[in-house]
Amino acid sequence: FFFKQKTAYEMQRGLVGSEMCIRDRYYLESLHSQFDSLCHQGKSYGFLNELKKVYLPTLSTTFCSSNCPCKAAKANFPATADYSSADFRLTGASTITQCPKNPYEGTDVRTTALAFVGLLEKEFHCSGFCTKEKWYYFTDVALGPPINKCQDKLLEYIEVR
């Protein structure tokens, strides 16, 4: 039997065993480092910068307030100080983008970043990237408080794959 020697392209495409583990471990360490830079040092580039911009500092004070009442039952939220001043109504907004004044109008936050965060919230029951937020902003606030921080769930998902 004669075997054809593989080209570099074919070898890269078909990494197996320990070679794949080394490559994946390097990628995960790099991703952890980038998330750390984003959340703790304030340095971010590209799409991570977009994720950082999605969670505007004003969201937590705007959403579920008199400026943007939430369409949710107060019973879905714990009776803590975090939720005591929340404005829940039957005709309020289900997501932050349904508020009378959309907080993203006039900003440079891309709609793809908003859609991506909405997907993260829905799939991972999370809100917030660097810190856990008290509301689901892009899914449905009526689900109650988020269970997880999106960064943790995203990294966990990538590590398992």
N, C-alpha and C. Protein backbone atom coordinates (compact mmCIF):
# COMPACT_ATOMS: atom_id res chain seq x y z
N PHE A 1 0.83 -1.19 0.00
CA PHE A 1 0.00 0.00 0.00
C PHE A 1 0.87 1.25 0.00
N PHE A 2 0.43 2.22 -0.75
CA PHE A 2 1.12 3.50 -0.78
C PHE A 2 0.19 4.57 -0.22
N PHE A 3 0.74 5.44 0.62
CA PHE A 3 -0.05 6.51 1.21
C PHE A 3 0.42 7.84 0.66
N LYS A 4 -0.52 8.66 0.33
CA LYS A 4 -0.21 10.01 -0.15
C LYS A 4 0.15 10.88 1.05
N GLN A 5 1.23 11.61 0.93
CA GLN A 5 1.62 12.50 2.02
C GLN A 5 0.64 13.67 2.07
N LYS A 6 0.17 14.00 3.27
CA LYS A 6 -0.82 15.07 3.40
C LYS A 6 -0.16 16.44 3.27
N THR A 7 -0.90 17.36 2.68
CA THR A 7 -0.44 18.74 2.60
C THR A 7 -0.69 19.42 3.93
N ALA A 8 -0.09 20.58 4.14
CA ALA A 8 -0.30 21.33 5.39
C ALA A 8 -1.78 21.67 5.56
N TYR A 9 -2.46 22.01 4.46
CA TYR A 9 -3.89 22.34 4.55
C TYR A 9 -4.68 21.15 5.04
N GLU A 10 -4.41 19.98 4.49
CA GLU A 10 -5.14 18.78 4.89
C GLU A 10 -4.87 18.42 6.35
N MET A 11 -3.66 18.66 6.80
CA MET A 11 -3.33 18.36 8.20
C MET A 11 -4.06 19.31 9.14
N GLN A 12 -4.09 20.59 8.81
CA GLN A 12 -4.76 21.58 9.66
C GLN A 12 -6.24 21.28 9.75
N ARG A 13 -6.83 20.92 8.61
CA ARG A 13 -8.25 20.65 8.54
C ARG A 13 -8.62 19.41 9.34
N GLY A 14 -7.72 18.47 9.44
CA GLY A 14 -8.05 17.20 10.06
C GLY A 14 -7.30 16.92 11.34
N LEU A 15 -7.10 17.92 12.17
CA LEU A 15 -6.41 17.69 13.44
C LEU A 15 -7.18 16.68 14.28
N VAL A 16 -6.45 15.78 14.88
CA VAL A 16 -7.09 14.77 15.71
C VAL A 16 -6.35 14.64 17.04
N GLY A 17 -7.02 14.02 18.00
CA GLY A 17 -6.39 13.68 19.27
C GLY A 17 -5.75 14.84 19.97
N SER A 18 -4.49 14.65 20.39
CA SER A 18 -3.81 15.65 21.21
C SER A 18 -3.60 16.95 20.46
N GLU A 19 -3.40 16.88 19.12
CA GLU A 19 -3.21 18.11 18.35
C GLU A 19 -4.43 19.02 18.47
N MET A 20 -5.62 18.42 18.41
CA MET A 20 -6.84 19.21 18.51
C MET A 20 -6.99 19.78 19.93
N CYS A 21 -6.66 19.00 20.93
CA CYS A 21 -6.78 19.46 22.31
C CYS A 21 -5.87 20.66 22.56
N ILE A 22 -4.64 20.61 22.02
CA ILE A 22 -3.70 21.72 22.20
C ILE A 22 -4.24 22.97 21.54
N ARG A 23 -4.73 22.82 20.30
CA ARG A 23 -5.28 23.98 19.59
C ARG A 23 -6.48 24.56 20.33
N ASP A 24 -7.40 23.70 20.76
CA ASP A 24 -8.60 24.16 21.45
C ASP A 24 -8.28 24.80 22.79
N ARG A 25 -7.33 24.24 23.53
CA ARG A 25 -6.96 24.80 24.82
C ARG A 25 -6.39 26.21 24.62
N TYR A 26 -5.54 26.38 23.61
CA TYR A 26 -4.97 27.70 23.32
C TYR A 26 -6.09 28.69 22.99
N TYR A 27 -7.05 28.25 22.17
CA TYR A 27 -8.17 29.12 21.79
C TYR A 27 -8.98 29.52 23.02
N LEU A 28 -9.28 28.57 23.90
CA LEU A 28 -10.07 28.87 25.10
C LEU A 28 -9.32 29.80 26.03
N GLU A 29 -8.01 29.59 26.20
CA GLU A 29 -7.22 30.50 27.04
C GLU A 29 -7.23 31.90 26.46
N SER A 30 -7.14 32.00 25.15
CA SER A 30 -7.18 33.31 24.49
C SER A 30 -8.54 33.97 24.69
N LEU A 31 -9.62 33.20 24.58
CA LEU A 31 -10.97 33.73 24.76
C LEU A 31 -11.18 34.20 26.21
N HIS A 32 -10.73 33.40 27.17
CA HIS A 32 -10.81 33.81 28.58
C HIS A 32 -10.06 35.12 28.79
N SER A 33 -8.89 35.24 28.19
CA SER A 33 -8.07 36.45 28.32
C SER A 33 -8.78 37.66 27.71
N GLN A 34 -9.40 37.46 26.55
CA GLN A 34 -10.12 38.57 25.91
C GLN A 34 -11.32 39.00 26.76
N PHE A 35 -12.06 38.03 27.31
CA PHE A 35 -13.20 38.37 28.17
C PHE A 35 -12.72 39.09 29.43
N ASP A 36 -11.59 38.66 29.97
CA ASP A 36 -11.03 39.30 31.16
C ASP A 36 -10.66 40.75 30.85
N SER A 37 -10.04 40.96 29.70
CA SER A 37 -9.69 42.33 29.29
C SER A 37 -10.93 43.18 29.14
N LEU A 38 -11.96 42.60 28.56
CA LEU A 38 -13.22 43.31 28.35
C LEU A 38 -13.85 43.73 29.67
N CYS A 39 -13.97 42.78 30.58
CA CYS A 39 -14.74 43.02 31.80
C CYS A 39 -13.96 43.69 32.93
N HIS A 40 -12.68 43.39 33.05
CA HIS A 40 -11.93 43.89 34.21
C HIS A 40 -11.00 45.04 33.88
N GLN A 41 -10.55 45.11 32.65
CA GLN A 41 -9.62 46.17 32.29
C GLN A 41 -10.24 47.21 31.36
N GLY A 42 -11.45 46.94 30.90
CA GLY A 42 -12.14 47.88 30.03
C GLY A 42 -11.61 47.92 28.61
N LYS A 43 -10.71 47.00 28.25
CA LYS A 43 -10.15 46.96 26.90
C LYS A 43 -10.92 45.94 26.08
N SER A 44 -11.41 46.37 24.94
CA SER A 44 -12.11 45.43 24.07
C SER A 44 -12.02 45.88 22.63
N TYR A 45 -12.11 44.90 21.75
CA TYR A 45 -11.98 45.16 20.33
C TYR A 45 -13.03 44.35 19.58
N GLY A 46 -13.39 44.79 18.40
CA GLY A 46 -14.27 44.04 17.53
C GLY A 46 -15.63 43.74 18.16
N PHE A 47 -16.05 42.48 17.98
CA PHE A 47 -17.40 42.12 18.41
C PHE A 47 -17.53 42.14 19.94
N LEU A 48 -16.46 41.85 20.67
CA LEU A 48 -16.52 41.93 22.13
C LEU A 48 -16.82 43.36 22.57
N ASN A 49 -16.30 44.32 21.85
CA ASN A 49 -16.59 45.72 22.14
C ASN A 49 -18.07 46.00 21.92
N GLU A 50 -18.64 45.39 20.89
CA GLU A 50 -20.08 45.54 20.63
C GLU A 50 -20.90 44.97 21.79
N LEU A 51 -20.50 43.80 22.30
CA LEU A 51 -21.22 43.20 23.43
C LEU A 51 -21.17 44.10 24.65
N LYS A 52 -20.02 44.70 24.87
CA LYS A 52 -19.86 45.60 26.01
C LYS A 52 -20.81 46.80 25.90
N LYS A 53 -20.96 47.31 24.69
CA LYS A 53 -21.80 48.49 24.48
C LYS A 53 -23.29 48.20 24.62
N VAL A 54 -23.68 46.93 24.44
CA VAL A 54 -25.11 46.58 24.50
C VAL A 54 -25.69 46.89 25.88
N TYR A 55 -24.95 46.56 26.92
CA TYR A 55 -25.45 46.78 28.28
C TYR A 55 -25.12 48.21 28.72
N LEU A 56 -25.88 49.15 28.19
CA LEU A 56 -25.70 50.56 28.52
C LEU A 56 -25.90 50.77 30.02
N PRO A 57 -25.14 51.68 30.63
CA PRO A 57 -25.28 51.93 32.07
C PRO A 57 -26.70 52.36 32.47
N THR A 58 -27.44 52.95 31.56
CA THR A 58 -28.78 53.45 31.88
C THR A 58 -29.88 52.40 31.81
N LEU A 59 -29.57 51.20 31.31
CA LEU A 59 -30.62 50.20 31.14
C LEU A 59 -31.32 49.85 32.45
N SER A 60 -30.55 49.62 33.50
CA SER A 60 -31.15 49.15 34.75
C SER A 60 -32.02 50.22 35.42
N THR A 61 -31.76 51.47 35.14
CA THR A 61 -32.59 52.53 35.73
C THR A 61 -33.75 52.93 34.82
N THR A 62 -33.68 52.58 33.55
CA THR A 62 -34.74 52.92 32.59
C THR A 62 -35.80 51.84 32.53
N PHE A 63 -35.36 50.59 32.40
CA PHE A 63 -36.28 49.47 32.20
C PHE A 63 -37.03 49.18 33.50
N CYS A 64 -38.31 48.91 33.37
CA CYS A 64 -39.20 48.62 34.51
C CYS A 64 -39.30 49.81 35.46
N SER A 65 -39.23 50.99 34.90
CA SER A 65 -39.41 52.23 35.67
C SER A 65 -40.60 52.97 35.07
N SER A 66 -40.92 54.13 35.61
CA SER A 66 -42.03 54.91 35.05
C SER A 66 -41.73 55.34 33.60
N ASN A 67 -40.43 55.40 33.23
CA ASN A 67 -40.05 55.73 31.85
C ASN A 67 -40.33 54.58 30.89
N CYS A 68 -40.33 53.36 31.41
CA CYS A 68 -40.56 52.17 30.58
C CYS A 68 -41.08 51.04 31.46
N PRO A 69 -42.39 51.07 31.78
CA PRO A 69 -42.96 50.00 32.62
C PRO A 69 -42.81 48.63 31.96
N CYS A 70 -42.65 47.60 32.80
CA CYS A 70 -42.48 46.22 32.31
C CYS A 70 -43.80 45.49 32.22
N LYS A 71 -43.92 44.69 31.18
CA LYS A 71 -45.09 43.83 31.02
C LYS A 71 -44.75 42.50 31.72
N ALA A 72 -44.97 42.49 33.04
CA ALA A 72 -44.63 41.31 33.83
C ALA A 72 -45.41 41.35 35.13
N ALA A 73 -45.56 40.20 35.75
CA ALA A 73 -46.23 40.11 37.05
C ALA A 73 -45.21 40.30 38.16
N LYS A 74 -45.52 41.15 39.10
CA LYS A 74 -44.61 41.41 40.22
C LYS A 74 -44.29 40.12 40.97
N ALA A 75 -45.24 39.17 40.97
CA ALA A 75 -45.06 37.89 41.67
C ALA A 75 -43.92 37.06 41.07
N ASN A 76 -43.49 37.36 39.84
CA ASN A 76 -42.38 36.62 39.21
C ASN A 76 -41.01 37.06 39.71
N PHE A 77 -40.98 38.08 40.56
CA PHE A 77 -39.72 38.64 41.03
C PHE A 77 -39.65 38.57 42.55
N PRO A 78 -38.46 38.40 43.10
CA PRO A 78 -38.34 38.34 44.56
C PRO A 78 -38.70 39.67 45.21
N ALA A 79 -39.17 39.59 46.44
CA ALA A 79 -39.53 40.80 47.19
C ALA A 79 -38.28 41.36 47.85
N THR A 80 -37.36 41.86 47.03
CA THR A 80 -36.12 42.45 47.54
C THR A 80 -36.06 43.91 47.11
N ALA A 81 -35.09 44.61 47.67
CA ALA A 81 -34.92 46.03 47.36
C ALA A 81 -34.66 46.26 45.87
N ASP A 82 -34.00 45.31 45.21
CA ASP A 82 -33.70 45.46 43.78
C ASP A 82 -34.95 45.65 42.93
N TYR A 83 -36.04 45.06 43.38
CA TYR A 83 -37.27 45.07 42.58
C TYR A 83 -38.41 45.88 43.22
N SER A 84 -38.17 46.45 44.38
CA SER A 84 -39.25 47.13 45.11
C SER A 84 -39.81 48.36 44.38
N SER A 85 -38.98 49.06 43.64
CA SER A 85 -39.46 50.27 42.95
C SER A 85 -39.80 50.01 41.48
N ALA A 86 -39.78 48.75 41.07
CA ALA A 86 -40.07 48.42 39.67
C ALA A 86 -41.52 48.73 39.32
N ASP A 87 -41.73 49.14 38.08
CA ASP A 87 -43.06 49.48 37.58
C ASP A 87 -43.53 48.35 36.65
N PHE A 88 -44.38 47.46 37.19
CA PHE A 88 -44.93 46.35 36.42
C PHE A 88 -46.35 46.70 36.00
N ARG A 89 -46.67 46.47 34.72
CA ARG A 89 -48.02 46.75 34.20
C ARG A 89 -48.41 45.70 33.18
N LEU A 90 -49.69 45.55 32.95
CA LEU A 90 -50.17 44.60 31.95
C LEU A 90 -49.87 45.06 30.52
N THR A 91 -49.69 46.37 30.34
CA THR A 91 -49.47 46.91 29.01
C THR A 91 -48.07 47.48 28.82
N GLY A 92 -47.12 47.05 29.64
CA GLY A 92 -45.75 47.57 29.54
C GLY A 92 -44.96 46.91 28.43
N ALA A 93 -43.66 47.13 28.47
CA ALA A 93 -42.74 46.59 27.47
C ALA A 93 -42.22 45.22 27.91
N SER A 94 -42.12 44.30 26.98
CA SER A 94 -41.54 42.98 27.26
C SER A 94 -40.02 42.99 27.13
N THR A 95 -39.50 43.87 26.28
CA THR A 95 -38.05 43.99 26.08
C THR A 95 -37.67 45.47 26.09
N ILE A 96 -36.40 45.74 26.30
CA ILE A 96 -35.92 47.13 26.38
C ILE A 96 -36.15 47.88 25.06
N THR A 97 -36.13 47.20 23.95
CA THR A 97 -36.31 47.88 22.66
C THR A 97 -37.76 48.26 22.40
N GLN A 98 -38.68 47.79 23.25
CA GLN A 98 -40.09 48.18 23.13
C GLN A 98 -40.43 49.39 23.99
N CYS A 99 -39.46 49.93 24.69
CA CYS A 99 -39.70 51.12 25.52
C CYS A 99 -40.10 52.29 24.63
N PRO A 100 -40.91 53.22 25.18
CA PRO A 100 -41.31 54.39 24.37
C PRO A 100 -40.13 55.10 23.74
N LYS A 101 -39.04 55.24 24.49
CA LYS A 101 -37.82 55.81 23.92
C LYS A 101 -36.78 54.70 23.90
N ASN A 102 -36.55 54.14 22.71
CA ASN A 102 -35.57 53.07 22.55
C ASN A 102 -34.18 53.60 22.93
N PRO A 103 -33.53 53.02 23.94
CA PRO A 103 -32.24 53.56 24.37
C PRO A 103 -31.12 53.40 23.35
N TYR A 104 -31.36 52.63 22.30
CA TYR A 104 -30.32 52.41 21.28
C TYR A 104 -30.43 53.36 20.11
N GLU A 105 -31.52 54.14 20.03
CA GLU A 105 -31.63 55.12 18.95
C GLU A 105 -30.54 56.17 19.12
N GLY A 106 -29.84 56.44 18.05
CA GLY A 106 -28.79 57.45 18.08
C GLY A 106 -27.47 56.95 18.65
N THR A 107 -27.36 55.65 18.93
CA THR A 107 -26.08 55.10 19.41
C THR A 107 -25.42 54.32 18.28
N ASP A 108 -24.18 53.90 18.51
CA ASP A 108 -23.48 53.12 17.49
C ASP A 108 -23.53 51.62 17.78
N VAL A 109 -24.47 51.18 18.63
CA VAL A 109 -24.62 49.76 18.90
C VAL A 109 -25.28 49.10 17.69
N ARG A 110 -24.64 48.07 17.16
CA ARG A 110 -25.13 47.40 15.95
C ARG A 110 -26.29 46.47 16.28
N THR A 111 -27.23 46.36 15.36
CA THR A 111 -28.39 45.48 15.56
C THR A 111 -27.97 44.02 15.65
N THR A 112 -26.84 43.65 15.02
CA THR A 112 -26.38 42.26 15.13
C THR A 112 -25.96 41.95 16.56
N ALA A 113 -25.37 42.90 17.25
CA ALA A 113 -24.98 42.69 18.65
C ALA A 113 -26.22 42.54 19.52
N LEU A 114 -27.24 43.34 19.27
CA LEU A 114 -28.49 43.23 20.02
C LEU A 114 -29.15 41.87 19.78
N ALA A 115 -29.15 41.42 18.53
CA ALA A 115 -29.74 40.12 18.21
C ALA A 115 -28.95 38.99 18.87
N PHE A 116 -27.64 39.10 18.88
CA PHE A 116 -26.79 38.08 19.49
C PHE A 116 -27.05 37.99 20.99
N VAL A 117 -27.14 39.13 21.64
CA VAL A 117 -27.41 39.14 23.09
C VAL A 117 -28.80 38.58 23.36
N GLY A 118 -29.77 38.87 22.51
CA GLY A 118 -31.10 38.30 22.66
C GLY A 118 -31.07 36.78 22.57
N LEU A 119 -30.27 36.27 21.65
CA LEU A 119 -30.11 34.82 21.51
C LEU A 119 -29.45 34.23 22.76
N LEU A 120 -28.41 34.88 23.26
CA LEU A 120 -27.76 34.41 24.48
C LEU A 120 -28.74 34.36 25.64
N GLU A 121 -29.52 35.44 25.82
CA GLU A 121 -30.49 35.48 26.91
C GLU A 121 -31.49 34.32 26.80
N LYS A 122 -31.97 34.10 25.60
CA LYS A 122 -32.99 33.07 25.41
C LYS A 122 -32.42 31.66 25.63
N GLU A 123 -31.28 31.38 25.05
CA GLU A 123 -30.70 30.04 25.11
C GLU A 123 -30.10 29.69 26.47
N PHE A 124 -29.49 30.68 27.13
CA PHE A 124 -28.75 30.40 28.36
C PHE A 124 -29.40 30.96 29.62
N HIS A 125 -30.59 31.55 29.49
CA HIS A 125 -31.29 32.13 30.65
C HIS A 125 -30.35 33.07 31.42
N CYS A 126 -29.76 33.98 30.66
CA CYS A 126 -28.77 34.88 31.25
C CYS A 126 -29.07 36.32 30.84
N SER A 127 -28.46 37.22 31.57
CA SER A 127 -28.51 38.63 31.19
C SER A 127 -27.28 39.31 31.76
N GLY A 128 -26.69 40.17 30.98
CA GLY A 128 -25.45 40.83 31.38
C GLY A 128 -24.27 40.04 30.89
N PHE A 129 -23.21 40.72 30.54
CA PHE A 129 -22.05 40.01 30.04
C PHE A 129 -20.94 39.98 31.08
N CYS A 130 -20.58 41.12 31.61
CA CYS A 130 -19.52 41.15 32.63
C CYS A 130 -20.10 40.98 34.04
N THR A 131 -21.29 41.45 34.24
CA THR A 131 -22.00 41.26 35.52
C THR A 131 -23.42 40.80 35.21
N LYS A 132 -23.99 40.05 36.13
CA LYS A 132 -25.37 39.57 35.92
C LYS A 132 -26.32 40.75 36.12
N GLU A 133 -27.20 40.95 35.17
CA GLU A 133 -28.19 42.01 35.24
C GLU A 133 -29.43 41.51 35.97
N LYS A 134 -30.25 42.44 36.43
CA LYS A 134 -31.46 42.01 37.17
C LYS A 134 -32.66 41.75 36.27
N TRP A 135 -32.59 42.14 35.02
CA TRP A 135 -33.69 41.93 34.07
C TRP A 135 -33.20 41.18 32.84
N TYR A 136 -34.13 40.49 32.17
CA TYR A 136 -33.90 40.07 30.80
C TYR A 136 -34.26 41.29 29.97
N TYR A 137 -33.32 41.83 29.22
CA TYR A 137 -33.58 43.04 28.44
C TYR A 137 -34.04 42.74 27.02
N PHE A 138 -33.63 41.60 26.47
CA PHE A 138 -33.87 41.34 25.05
C PHE A 138 -34.73 40.11 24.80
N THR A 139 -35.10 39.38 25.83
CA THR A 139 -35.95 38.19 25.66
C THR A 139 -37.34 38.57 26.11
N ASP A 140 -37.72 38.21 27.32
CA ASP A 140 -39.03 38.56 27.86
C ASP A 140 -38.89 38.75 29.36
N VAL A 141 -39.03 39.96 29.79
CA VAL A 141 -38.86 40.29 31.21
C VAL A 141 -39.82 39.50 32.09
N ALA A 142 -40.94 39.06 31.56
CA ALA A 142 -41.93 38.32 32.35
C ALA A 142 -41.40 36.97 32.84
N LEU A 143 -40.26 36.52 32.32
CA LEU A 143 -39.67 35.26 32.76
C LEU A 143 -39.14 35.34 34.19
N GLY A 144 -39.03 36.55 34.73
CA GLY A 144 -38.49 36.72 36.07
C GLY A 144 -37.01 37.07 36.00
N PRO A 145 -36.33 37.05 37.13
CA PRO A 145 -34.90 37.42 37.13
C PRO A 145 -34.05 36.41 36.36
N PRO A 146 -33.03 36.89 35.67
CA PRO A 146 -32.12 35.98 34.96
C PRO A 146 -31.40 35.06 35.95
N ILE A 147 -31.07 33.88 35.49
CA ILE A 147 -30.41 32.89 36.35
C ILE A 147 -28.89 33.03 36.27
N ASN A 148 -28.37 33.38 35.11
CA ASN A 148 -26.93 33.36 34.88
C ASN A 148 -26.41 34.66 34.29
N LYS A 149 -25.08 34.78 34.30
CA LYS A 149 -24.37 35.84 33.59
C LYS A 149 -24.00 35.26 32.23
N CYS A 150 -24.23 35.97 31.14
CA CYS A 150 -24.04 35.43 29.79
C CYS A 150 -22.60 35.03 29.49
N GLN A 151 -21.63 35.77 29.98
CA GLN A 151 -20.23 35.43 29.73
C GLN A 151 -19.92 34.02 30.23
N ASP A 152 -20.35 33.70 31.45
CA ASP A 152 -20.09 32.37 32.02
C ASP A 152 -20.71 31.27 31.19
N LYS A 153 -21.96 31.47 30.80
CA LYS A 153 -22.66 30.43 30.04
C LYS A 153 -22.08 30.27 28.64
N LEU A 154 -21.66 31.36 28.02
CA LEU A 154 -21.07 31.28 26.69
C LEU A 154 -19.75 30.52 26.74
N LEU A 155 -18.90 30.84 27.71
CA LEU A 155 -17.62 30.12 27.85
C LEU A 155 -17.85 28.65 28.15
N GLU A 156 -18.80 28.37 29.01
CA GLU A 156 -19.14 26.98 29.35
C GLU A 156 -19.58 26.23 28.10
N TYR A 157 -20.40 26.86 27.30
CA TYR A 157 -20.88 26.24 26.05
C TYR A 157 -19.72 25.95 25.10
N ILE A 158 -18.83 26.91 24.94
CA ILE A 158 -17.70 26.75 24.03
C ILE A 158 -16.77 25.63 24.53
N GLU A 159 -16.53 25.58 25.83
CA GLU A 159 -15.64 24.56 26.40
C GLU A 159 -16.19 23.15 26.21
N VAL A 160 -17.49 23.00 26.26
CA VAL A 160 -18.11 21.68 26.10
C VAL A 160 -18.06 21.23 24.65
N ARG A 161 -18.11 22.17 23.73
CA ARG A 161 -18.12 21.83 22.30
C ARG A 161 -16.74 21.46 21.91
